[in-house]
Amino acid sequence: MDGSSYRPGCPVAVEDLRYLRVLHYDYDGKIRVGELVANKSISDDLLSIFRRLFDARYPIEKMILIDEYGGDDELSSSDNNTSCFNYRMVAGTQKLSRHALGTAIDVNPVNNPYVTTNEEGAVICMPSNGSAYMDRSESFDHKIDEDDLCFRLFSEYGFTWGGSWYEPDYMHFTR
């Protein structure tokens, strides 16, 4: 993690982070061992949520450490990687992300993109290869919405969903 997802200036001490290994089903229905780093304050809840998702055979395409992407959120998201801790700013700002605290997680980001508007008024999709999934009135696999098990479980454990924000971040859950 040093020099990748954990860098000088990180407001969370390493001892306050937890390395988690969780079983999940990938998009092909194969069982995988996923890896996450999360703040200790949410780690037990994440383990419970992902156990229940696994028991329900809920598909998560990938769950590997963001360090495999050099801590680059865009690379990780573009690869549809579910991730949690990464010392970084909110995209396009100088504001510290909740991911930098290890209290936010992004699930299946290509299918559940962040949709925002730039200064010129153009709609931007992050990751960019998630643009086919911006229209949430459409029906498609792996979509997180208020009827989805992932949404219901994270809500049950006190997480807030970014999909309800003015500029929706459909992949994002935070506490």
N, C-alpha and C. Protein backbone atom coordinates (compact mmCIF):
# COMPACT_ATOMS: atom_id res chain seq x y z
N MET A 1 0.82 -1.20 0.00
CA MET A 1 0.00 0.00 0.00
C MET A 1 0.86 1.25 0.00
N ASP A 2 2.02 1.18 0.65
CA ASP A 2 2.87 2.36 0.76
C ASP A 2 3.20 2.92 -0.62
N GLY A 3 2.94 4.20 -0.79
CA GLY A 3 3.23 4.88 -2.05
C GLY A 3 2.18 4.67 -3.11
N SER A 4 1.19 3.86 -2.86
CA SER A 4 0.14 3.60 -3.83
C SER A 4 -1.19 4.10 -3.26
N SER A 5 -1.89 3.27 -2.50
CA SER A 5 -3.16 3.72 -1.91
C SER A 5 -2.94 4.44 -0.59
N TYR A 6 -1.79 4.21 0.04
CA TYR A 6 -1.46 4.87 1.30
C TYR A 6 -0.22 5.71 1.09
N ARG A 7 -0.39 7.04 1.26
CA ARG A 7 0.72 7.97 1.00
C ARG A 7 0.85 8.95 2.15
N PRO A 8 1.98 9.64 2.20
CA PRO A 8 2.16 10.67 3.25
C PRO A 8 0.98 11.65 3.26
N GLY A 9 0.56 12.01 4.46
CA GLY A 9 -0.55 12.93 4.62
C GLY A 9 -1.88 12.24 4.85
N CYS A 10 -1.91 10.92 4.72
CA CYS A 10 -3.17 10.19 4.92
C CYS A 10 -3.66 10.42 6.34
N PRO A 11 -4.94 10.82 6.49
CA PRO A 11 -5.46 11.13 7.82
C PRO A 11 -5.79 9.90 8.67
N VAL A 12 -5.68 8.71 8.12
CA VAL A 12 -6.00 7.48 8.85
C VAL A 12 -4.70 6.71 9.10
N ALA A 13 -4.48 6.33 10.33
CA ALA A 13 -3.31 5.52 10.67
C ALA A 13 -3.48 4.12 10.10
N VAL A 14 -2.38 3.53 9.68
CA VAL A 14 -2.42 2.17 9.14
C VAL A 14 -3.10 1.21 10.12
N GLU A 15 -2.85 1.41 11.41
CA GLU A 15 -3.45 0.51 12.40
C GLU A 15 -4.97 0.62 12.46
N ASP A 16 -5.54 1.68 11.88
CA ASP A 16 -6.99 1.85 11.86
C ASP A 16 -7.63 1.30 10.59
N LEU A 17 -6.81 0.65 9.76
CA LEU A 17 -7.31 0.02 8.53
C LEU A 17 -7.29 -1.49 8.72
N ARG A 18 -8.18 -2.17 8.00
CA ARG A 18 -8.24 -3.62 8.06
C ARG A 18 -8.19 -4.20 6.65
N TYR A 19 -7.41 -5.26 6.49
CA TYR A 19 -7.36 -6.02 5.25
C TYR A 19 -8.42 -7.10 5.32
N LEU A 20 -9.32 -7.12 4.35
CA LEU A 20 -10.43 -8.07 4.34
C LEU A 20 -10.34 -8.99 3.12
N ARG A 21 -10.61 -10.23 3.35
CA ARG A 21 -10.74 -11.21 2.27
C ARG A 21 -12.18 -11.72 2.32
N VAL A 22 -12.89 -11.61 1.20
CA VAL A 22 -14.29 -12.02 1.17
C VAL A 22 -14.57 -12.84 -0.08
N LEU A 23 -15.42 -13.84 0.08
CA LEU A 23 -15.85 -14.62 -1.07
C LEU A 23 -16.90 -13.83 -1.83
N HIS A 24 -16.86 -13.96 -3.15
CA HIS A 24 -17.91 -13.37 -3.98
C HIS A 24 -18.03 -14.16 -5.27
N TYR A 25 -19.17 -14.01 -5.92
CA TYR A 25 -19.39 -14.60 -7.24
C TYR A 25 -19.06 -13.56 -8.28
N ASP A 26 -18.29 -13.95 -9.31
CA ASP A 26 -18.01 -13.00 -10.39
C ASP A 26 -19.17 -13.04 -11.39
N TYR A 27 -19.04 -12.30 -12.47
CA TYR A 27 -20.12 -12.21 -13.45
C TYR A 27 -20.36 -13.53 -14.19
N ASP A 28 -19.39 -14.44 -14.15
CA ASP A 28 -19.56 -15.76 -14.78
C ASP A 28 -20.08 -16.80 -13.80
N GLY A 29 -20.39 -16.38 -12.57
CA GLY A 29 -20.91 -17.29 -11.57
C GLY A 29 -19.84 -18.10 -10.86
N LYS A 30 -18.58 -17.74 -11.05
CA LYS A 30 -17.48 -18.44 -10.38
C LYS A 30 -17.20 -17.79 -9.03
N ILE A 31 -16.85 -18.62 -8.06
CA ILE A 31 -16.51 -18.12 -6.73
C ILE A 31 -15.09 -17.57 -6.76
N ARG A 32 -14.94 -16.37 -6.24
CA ARG A 32 -13.64 -15.69 -6.16
C ARG A 32 -13.38 -15.25 -4.73
N VAL A 33 -12.12 -15.05 -4.41
CA VAL A 33 -11.73 -14.47 -3.13
C VAL A 33 -11.39 -13.01 -3.40
N GLY A 34 -12.18 -12.12 -2.86
CA GLY A 34 -11.96 -10.69 -3.04
C GLY A 34 -11.12 -10.13 -1.92
N GLU A 35 -10.47 -8.99 -2.21
CA GLU A 35 -9.64 -8.31 -1.22
C GLU A 35 -10.05 -6.84 -1.15
N LEU A 36 -10.15 -6.34 0.07
CA LEU A 36 -10.46 -4.94 0.32
C LEU A 36 -9.63 -4.46 1.50
N VAL A 37 -9.36 -3.17 1.52
CA VAL A 37 -8.85 -2.51 2.72
C VAL A 37 -9.91 -1.50 3.11
N ALA A 38 -10.28 -1.51 4.39
CA ALA A 38 -11.35 -0.63 4.89
C ALA A 38 -10.99 -0.12 6.27
N ASN A 39 -11.64 0.95 6.66
CA ASN A 39 -11.50 1.47 8.00
C ASN A 39 -12.05 0.43 8.99
N LYS A 40 -11.38 0.29 10.13
CA LYS A 40 -11.83 -0.71 11.11
C LYS A 40 -13.25 -0.43 11.59
N SER A 41 -13.71 0.83 11.50
CA SER A 41 -15.05 1.17 11.97
C SER A 41 -16.16 0.56 11.12
N ILE A 42 -15.86 0.15 9.89
CA ILE A 42 -16.87 -0.46 9.02
C ILE A 42 -16.51 -1.89 8.62
N SER A 43 -15.36 -2.37 9.01
CA SER A 43 -14.87 -3.66 8.51
C SER A 43 -15.78 -4.83 8.87
N ASP A 44 -16.26 -4.89 10.09
CA ASP A 44 -17.15 -5.99 10.48
C ASP A 44 -18.46 -5.95 9.69
N ASP A 45 -18.98 -4.75 9.49
CA ASP A 45 -20.22 -4.61 8.72
C ASP A 45 -19.99 -5.02 7.26
N LEU A 46 -18.85 -4.64 6.68
CA LEU A 46 -18.55 -5.06 5.30
C LEU A 46 -18.49 -6.57 5.20
N LEU A 47 -17.84 -7.21 6.17
CA LEU A 47 -17.77 -8.67 6.15
C LEU A 47 -19.17 -9.28 6.20
N SER A 48 -20.05 -8.73 7.02
CA SER A 48 -21.43 -9.23 7.11
C SER A 48 -22.19 -9.00 5.81
N ILE A 49 -22.06 -7.81 5.25
CA ILE A 49 -22.76 -7.49 4.00
C ILE A 49 -22.29 -8.40 2.88
N PHE A 50 -20.98 -8.55 2.73
CA PHE A 50 -20.48 -9.38 1.64
C PHE A 50 -20.78 -10.86 1.87
N ARG A 51 -20.88 -11.29 3.09
CA ARG A 51 -21.29 -12.68 3.35
C ARG A 51 -22.73 -12.88 2.88
N ARG A 52 -23.58 -11.94 3.17
CA ARG A 52 -24.99 -12.05 2.76
C ARG A 52 -25.12 -11.94 1.24
N LEU A 53 -24.31 -11.07 0.61
CA LEU A 53 -24.32 -11.00 -0.86
C LEU A 53 -23.85 -12.32 -1.46
N PHE A 54 -22.80 -12.91 -0.86
CA PHE A 54 -22.30 -14.20 -1.34
C PHE A 54 -23.38 -15.27 -1.19
N ASP A 55 -24.01 -15.34 -0.04
CA ASP A 55 -25.06 -16.33 0.19
C ASP A 55 -26.19 -16.21 -0.83
N ALA A 56 -26.44 -14.99 -1.30
CA ALA A 56 -27.49 -14.73 -2.29
C ALA A 56 -26.97 -14.87 -3.73
N ARG A 57 -25.67 -15.21 -3.87
CA ARG A 57 -25.02 -15.35 -5.19
C ARG A 57 -25.05 -14.02 -5.97
N TYR A 58 -24.98 -12.93 -5.24
CA TYR A 58 -24.97 -11.60 -5.86
C TYR A 58 -23.65 -11.42 -6.61
N PRO A 59 -23.68 -11.06 -7.90
CA PRO A 59 -22.45 -10.96 -8.68
C PRO A 59 -21.68 -9.64 -8.49
N ILE A 60 -20.40 -9.80 -8.25
CA ILE A 60 -19.45 -8.68 -8.19
C ILE A 60 -18.31 -9.06 -9.12
N GLU A 61 -18.12 -8.27 -10.17
CA GLU A 61 -17.16 -8.70 -11.19
C GLU A 61 -15.75 -8.90 -10.66
N LYS A 62 -15.23 -7.91 -9.96
CA LYS A 62 -13.87 -7.99 -9.42
C LYS A 62 -13.82 -7.32 -8.07
N MET A 63 -12.86 -7.79 -7.26
CA MET A 63 -12.63 -7.17 -5.97
C MET A 63 -11.16 -7.43 -5.63
N ILE A 64 -10.29 -6.60 -6.22
CA ILE A 64 -8.86 -6.71 -5.94
C ILE A 64 -8.37 -5.38 -5.38
N LEU A 65 -7.27 -5.43 -4.69
CA LEU A 65 -6.75 -4.20 -4.07
C LEU A 65 -6.46 -3.15 -5.12
N ILE A 66 -6.81 -1.92 -4.83
CA ILE A 66 -6.59 -0.82 -5.76
C ILE A 66 -5.10 -0.58 -6.00
N ASP A 67 -4.27 -1.14 -5.13
CA ASP A 67 -2.82 -1.04 -5.32
C ASP A 67 -2.38 -1.76 -6.59
N GLU A 68 -3.17 -2.73 -7.04
CA GLU A 68 -2.87 -3.42 -8.30
C GLU A 68 -3.00 -2.46 -9.49
N TYR A 69 -3.64 -1.34 -9.27
CA TYR A 69 -3.82 -0.30 -10.29
C TYR A 69 -2.97 0.93 -9.96
N GLY A 70 -2.00 0.76 -9.09
CA GLY A 70 -1.15 1.87 -8.69
C GLY A 70 -1.90 2.94 -7.91
N GLY A 71 -3.03 2.57 -7.29
CA GLY A 71 -3.85 3.54 -6.56
C GLY A 71 -4.65 4.45 -7.47
N ASP A 72 -4.70 4.14 -8.77
CA ASP A 72 -5.40 4.97 -9.76
C ASP A 72 -6.87 4.58 -9.80
N ASP A 73 -7.73 5.46 -9.28
CA ASP A 73 -9.15 5.18 -9.18
C ASP A 73 -9.79 4.99 -10.55
N GLU A 74 -9.39 5.77 -11.53
CA GLU A 74 -9.97 5.64 -12.87
C GLU A 74 -9.64 4.28 -13.48
N LEU A 75 -8.40 3.82 -13.32
CA LEU A 75 -8.04 2.50 -13.85
C LEU A 75 -8.83 1.40 -13.16
N SER A 76 -8.93 1.49 -11.85
CA SER A 76 -9.67 0.49 -11.08
C SER A 76 -11.14 0.49 -11.47
N SER A 77 -11.75 1.66 -11.51
CA SER A 77 -13.17 1.77 -11.86
C SER A 77 -13.43 1.29 -13.29
N SER A 78 -12.56 1.66 -14.21
CA SER A 78 -12.72 1.24 -15.61
C SER A 78 -12.64 -0.26 -15.77
N ASP A 79 -11.98 -0.92 -14.83
CA ASP A 79 -11.86 -2.37 -14.86
C ASP A 79 -13.00 -3.03 -14.06
N ASN A 80 -13.98 -2.24 -13.66
CA ASN A 80 -15.15 -2.68 -12.90
C ASN A 80 -14.75 -3.34 -11.59
N ASN A 81 -13.75 -2.77 -10.94
CA ASN A 81 -13.22 -3.30 -9.70
C ASN A 81 -13.92 -2.66 -8.50
N THR A 82 -14.44 -3.49 -7.63
CA THR A 82 -15.04 -3.03 -6.38
C THR A 82 -13.91 -2.75 -5.39
N SER A 83 -13.88 -1.54 -4.83
CA SER A 83 -12.78 -1.17 -3.93
C SER A 83 -13.28 -0.23 -2.84
N CYS A 84 -12.43 -0.08 -1.82
CA CYS A 84 -12.80 0.73 -0.65
C CYS A 84 -11.73 1.79 -0.38
N PHE A 85 -10.72 1.47 0.45
CA PHE A 85 -9.74 2.48 0.85
C PHE A 85 -8.82 2.87 -0.30
N ASN A 86 -8.64 4.19 -0.46
CA ASN A 86 -7.65 4.76 -1.38
C ASN A 86 -7.48 6.23 -1.00
N TYR A 87 -6.30 6.59 -0.55
CA TYR A 87 -6.05 7.98 -0.17
C TYR A 87 -6.06 8.83 -1.43
N ARG A 88 -7.16 9.59 -1.61
CA ARG A 88 -7.34 10.41 -2.81
C ARG A 88 -8.38 11.50 -2.54
N MET A 89 -8.45 12.41 -3.49
CA MET A 89 -9.44 13.48 -3.43
C MET A 89 -10.69 13.06 -4.20
N VAL A 90 -11.80 13.75 -3.94
CA VAL A 90 -13.00 13.57 -4.74
C VAL A 90 -12.65 13.99 -6.16
N ALA A 91 -13.06 13.20 -7.14
CA ALA A 91 -12.73 13.48 -8.54
C ALA A 91 -13.04 14.93 -8.91
N GLY A 92 -12.07 15.61 -9.49
CA GLY A 92 -12.23 16.98 -9.97
C GLY A 92 -12.22 18.05 -8.89
N THR A 93 -11.86 17.68 -7.65
CA THR A 93 -11.85 18.66 -6.55
C THR A 93 -10.56 18.54 -5.74
N GLN A 94 -10.44 19.39 -4.75
CA GLN A 94 -9.36 19.31 -3.78
C GLN A 94 -9.89 18.84 -2.42
N LYS A 95 -11.10 18.27 -2.44
CA LYS A 95 -11.74 17.79 -1.22
C LYS A 95 -11.40 16.31 -1.01
N LEU A 96 -11.04 15.98 0.21
CA LEU A 96 -10.68 14.61 0.55
C LEU A 96 -11.89 13.68 0.38
N SER A 97 -11.67 12.58 -0.31
CA SER A 97 -12.72 11.59 -0.51
C SER A 97 -12.92 10.75 0.75
N ARG A 98 -14.11 10.21 0.92
CA ARG A 98 -14.37 9.27 2.02
C ARG A 98 -13.57 7.98 1.82
N HIS A 99 -13.17 7.72 0.58
CA HIS A 99 -12.30 6.56 0.33
C HIS A 99 -10.96 6.75 1.03
N ALA A 100 -10.52 8.00 1.18
CA ALA A 100 -9.25 8.29 1.87
C ALA A 100 -9.33 7.97 3.35
N LEU A 101 -10.53 7.86 3.87
CA LEU A 101 -10.75 7.49 5.26
C LEU A 101 -11.05 6.00 5.40
N GLY A 102 -11.29 5.35 4.27
CA GLY A 102 -11.64 3.94 4.28
C GLY A 102 -13.07 3.69 4.69
N THR A 103 -13.93 4.70 4.57
CA THR A 103 -15.33 4.57 4.98
C THR A 103 -16.30 4.61 3.80
N ALA A 104 -15.78 4.47 2.58
CA ALA A 104 -16.62 4.43 1.39
C ALA A 104 -16.18 3.26 0.52
N ILE A 105 -17.14 2.72 -0.19
CA ILE A 105 -16.87 1.60 -1.08
C ILE A 105 -17.61 1.82 -2.39
N ASP A 106 -16.98 1.43 -3.49
CA ASP A 106 -17.60 1.49 -4.82
C ASP A 106 -17.80 0.05 -5.28
N VAL A 107 -19.03 -0.26 -5.70
CA VAL A 107 -19.40 -1.61 -6.11
C VAL A 107 -19.75 -1.63 -7.60
N ASN A 108 -19.11 -2.53 -8.33
CA ASN A 108 -19.36 -2.70 -9.77
C ASN A 108 -19.46 -1.36 -10.49
N PRO A 109 -18.38 -0.56 -10.50
CA PRO A 109 -18.45 0.82 -10.98
C PRO A 109 -18.81 1.03 -12.45
N VAL A 110 -18.45 0.11 -13.34
CA VAL A 110 -18.81 0.32 -14.75
C VAL A 110 -20.33 0.29 -14.90
N ASN A 111 -20.98 -0.65 -14.25
CA ASN A 111 -22.43 -0.78 -14.35
C ASN A 111 -23.18 0.26 -13.51
N ASN A 112 -22.44 0.95 -12.64
CA ASN A 112 -23.05 1.90 -11.71
C ASN A 112 -22.19 3.16 -11.62
N PRO A 113 -22.11 3.92 -12.71
CA PRO A 113 -21.16 5.03 -12.79
C PRO A 113 -21.55 6.26 -11.97
N TYR A 114 -20.58 7.12 -11.85
CA TYR A 114 -20.78 8.46 -11.28
C TYR A 114 -21.11 9.37 -12.45
N VAL A 115 -22.21 10.10 -12.35
CA VAL A 115 -22.68 10.98 -13.43
C VAL A 115 -22.66 12.40 -12.92
N THR A 116 -21.89 13.24 -13.59
CA THR A 116 -21.75 14.63 -13.17
C THR A 116 -21.78 15.55 -14.39
N THR A 117 -21.74 16.83 -14.14
CA THR A 117 -21.72 17.82 -15.21
C THR A 117 -20.48 18.68 -15.04
N ASN A 118 -19.75 18.89 -16.12
CA ASN A 118 -18.54 19.72 -16.01
C ASN A 118 -18.89 21.20 -16.09
N GLU A 119 -17.88 22.05 -16.01
CA GLU A 119 -18.10 23.51 -15.98
C GLU A 119 -18.78 24.04 -17.23
N GLU A 120 -18.62 23.33 -18.35
CA GLU A 120 -19.25 23.75 -19.60
C GLU A 120 -20.67 23.20 -19.75
N GLY A 121 -21.13 22.42 -18.78
CA GLY A 121 -22.48 21.88 -18.81
C GLY A 121 -22.59 20.53 -19.48
N ALA A 122 -21.48 19.93 -19.87
CA ALA A 122 -21.51 18.62 -20.50
C ALA A 122 -21.61 17.52 -19.44
N VAL A 123 -22.39 16.51 -19.71
CA VAL A 123 -22.53 15.39 -18.80
C VAL A 123 -21.30 14.50 -18.92
N ILE A 124 -20.73 14.16 -17.77
CA ILE A 124 -19.53 13.34 -17.70
C ILE A 124 -19.86 12.05 -16.95
N CYS A 125 -19.34 10.95 -17.44
CA CYS A 125 -19.53 9.65 -16.82
C CYS A 125 -18.18 9.13 -16.36
N MET A 126 -18.13 8.69 -15.09
CA MET A 126 -16.91 8.10 -14.57
C MET A 126 -17.26 6.76 -13.94
N PRO A 127 -16.65 5.68 -14.38
CA PRO A 127 -15.65 5.62 -15.44
C PRO A 127 -16.27 5.85 -16.80
N SER A 128 -15.46 6.31 -17.72
CA SER A 128 -15.98 6.67 -19.04
C SER A 128 -16.61 5.49 -19.77
N ASN A 129 -16.12 4.28 -19.52
CA ASN A 129 -16.70 3.11 -20.19
C ASN A 129 -18.01 2.65 -19.53
N GLY A 130 -18.53 3.44 -18.59
CA GLY A 130 -19.82 3.15 -17.97
C GLY A 130 -20.96 3.94 -18.59
N SER A 131 -20.70 4.67 -19.65
CA SER A 131 -21.72 5.57 -20.22
C SER A 131 -22.98 4.83 -20.67
N ALA A 132 -22.87 3.57 -21.06
CA ALA A 132 -24.05 2.80 -21.48
C ALA A 132 -24.99 2.55 -20.30
N TYR A 133 -24.52 2.80 -19.08
CA TYR A 133 -25.30 2.50 -17.88
C TYR A 133 -25.77 3.76 -17.14
N MET A 134 -25.65 4.91 -17.79
CA MET A 134 -26.05 6.17 -17.15
C MET A 134 -27.57 6.30 -17.05
N ASP A 135 -28.31 5.79 -18.03
CA ASP A 135 -29.77 5.92 -18.04
C ASP A 135 -30.34 4.84 -17.13
N ARG A 136 -30.71 5.22 -15.93
CA ARG A 136 -31.17 4.27 -14.93
C ARG A 136 -32.62 3.84 -15.15
N SER A 137 -33.30 4.42 -16.14
CA SER A 137 -34.64 3.94 -16.47
C SER A 137 -34.56 2.66 -17.29
N GLU A 138 -33.39 2.38 -17.83
CA GLU A 138 -33.16 1.16 -18.61
C GLU A 138 -33.00 -0.04 -17.67
N SER A 139 -33.33 -1.21 -18.19
CA SER A 139 -33.13 -2.44 -17.43
C SER A 139 -31.85 -3.10 -17.93
N PHE A 140 -30.96 -3.45 -17.01
CA PHE A 140 -29.72 -4.15 -17.36
C PHE A 140 -29.17 -4.87 -16.14
N ASP A 141 -28.34 -5.85 -16.40
CA ASP A 141 -27.75 -6.63 -15.33
C ASP A 141 -26.82 -5.79 -14.47
N HIS A 142 -26.74 -6.13 -13.20
CA HIS A 142 -25.78 -5.56 -12.25
C HIS A 142 -26.05 -4.10 -11.89
N LYS A 143 -27.27 -3.66 -12.13
CA LYS A 143 -27.66 -2.28 -11.81
C LYS A 143 -28.04 -2.17 -10.33
N ILE A 144 -27.40 -1.24 -9.63
CA ILE A 144 -27.78 -0.95 -8.26
C ILE A 144 -28.84 0.14 -8.28
N ASP A 145 -29.98 -0.17 -7.70
CA ASP A 145 -31.04 0.80 -7.51
C ASP A 145 -31.70 0.47 -6.17
N GLU A 146 -32.78 1.15 -5.84
CA GLU A 146 -33.39 0.96 -4.52
C GLU A 146 -34.06 -0.39 -4.34
N ASP A 147 -34.24 -1.14 -5.41
CA ASP A 147 -34.81 -2.49 -5.32
C ASP A 147 -33.73 -3.56 -5.24
N ASP A 148 -32.50 -3.17 -5.40
CA ASP A 148 -31.38 -4.11 -5.47
C ASP A 148 -30.95 -4.57 -4.08
N LEU A 149 -30.55 -5.83 -3.98
CA LEU A 149 -30.10 -6.39 -2.71
C LEU A 149 -28.91 -5.64 -2.15
N CYS A 150 -27.97 -5.27 -2.99
CA CYS A 150 -26.79 -4.54 -2.52
C CYS A 150 -27.21 -3.24 -1.84
N PHE A 151 -28.09 -2.48 -2.47
CA PHE A 151 -28.61 -1.24 -1.87
C PHE A 151 -29.29 -1.54 -0.53
N ARG A 152 -30.15 -2.54 -0.51
CA ARG A 152 -30.90 -2.84 0.71
C ARG A 152 -29.98 -3.23 1.87
N LEU A 153 -28.96 -4.04 1.59
CA LEU A 153 -28.05 -4.47 2.65
C LEU A 153 -27.20 -3.31 3.16
N PHE A 154 -26.62 -2.53 2.26
CA PHE A 154 -25.81 -1.40 2.72
C PHE A 154 -26.67 -0.42 3.52
N SER A 155 -27.90 -0.19 3.09
CA SER A 155 -28.80 0.70 3.82
C SER A 155 -29.11 0.14 5.20
N GLU A 156 -29.35 -1.16 5.27
CA GLU A 156 -29.64 -1.81 6.56
C GLU A 156 -28.50 -1.60 7.56
N TYR A 157 -27.27 -1.54 7.06
CA TYR A 157 -26.11 -1.36 7.93
C TYR A 157 -25.72 0.11 8.10
N GLY A 158 -26.59 1.02 7.69
CA GLY A 158 -26.38 2.44 7.96
C GLY A 158 -25.54 3.20 6.96
N PHE A 159 -25.34 2.64 5.78
CA PHE A 159 -24.58 3.33 4.74
C PHE A 159 -25.51 4.22 3.92
N THR A 160 -24.96 5.29 3.39
CA THR A 160 -25.67 6.19 2.48
C THR A 160 -25.27 5.84 1.06
N TRP A 161 -26.25 5.83 0.17
CA TRP A 161 -26.02 5.49 -1.23
C TRP A 161 -25.85 6.76 -2.07
N GLY A 162 -24.78 6.80 -2.85
CA GLY A 162 -24.51 7.94 -3.72
C GLY A 162 -25.47 8.05 -4.90
N GLY A 163 -26.23 7.02 -5.18
CA GLY A 163 -27.18 7.05 -6.29
C GLY A 163 -28.34 8.00 -6.06
N SER A 164 -28.54 8.44 -4.83
CA SER A 164 -29.64 9.37 -4.54
C SER A 164 -29.17 10.82 -4.51
N TRP A 165 -27.90 11.07 -4.80
CA TRP A 165 -27.36 12.43 -4.77
C TRP A 165 -27.77 13.21 -6.02
N TYR A 166 -27.66 14.54 -5.93
CA TYR A 166 -27.95 15.43 -7.07
C TYR A 166 -27.14 15.02 -8.29
N GLU A 167 -25.85 14.78 -8.10
CA GLU A 167 -25.01 14.22 -9.16
C GLU A 167 -24.74 12.78 -8.73
N PRO A 168 -25.54 11.84 -9.24
CA PRO A 168 -25.53 10.48 -8.70
C PRO A 168 -24.22 9.72 -8.92
N ASP A 169 -23.86 9.01 -7.88
CA ASP A 169 -22.68 8.14 -7.88
C ASP A 169 -23.23 6.75 -7.51
N TYR A 170 -23.72 6.05 -8.54
CA TYR A 170 -24.47 4.83 -8.33
C TYR A 170 -23.66 3.69 -7.72
N MET A 171 -22.36 3.72 -7.84
CA MET A 171 -21.49 2.67 -7.30
C MET A 171 -21.18 2.85 -5.82
N HIS A 172 -21.42 4.03 -5.29
CA HIS A 172 -20.84 4.50 -4.04
C HIS A 172 -21.75 4.32 -2.82
N PHE A 173 -21.17 3.73 -1.77
CA PHE A 173 -21.81 3.65 -0.46
C PHE A 173 -20.83 4.19 0.57
N THR A 174 -21.32 4.97 1.52
CA THR A 174 -20.44 5.56 2.53
C THR A 174 -21.10 5.59 3.89
N ARG A 175 -20.25 5.58 4.90
CA ARG A 175 -20.74 5.77 6.27
C ARG A 175 -19.68 6.52 7.05
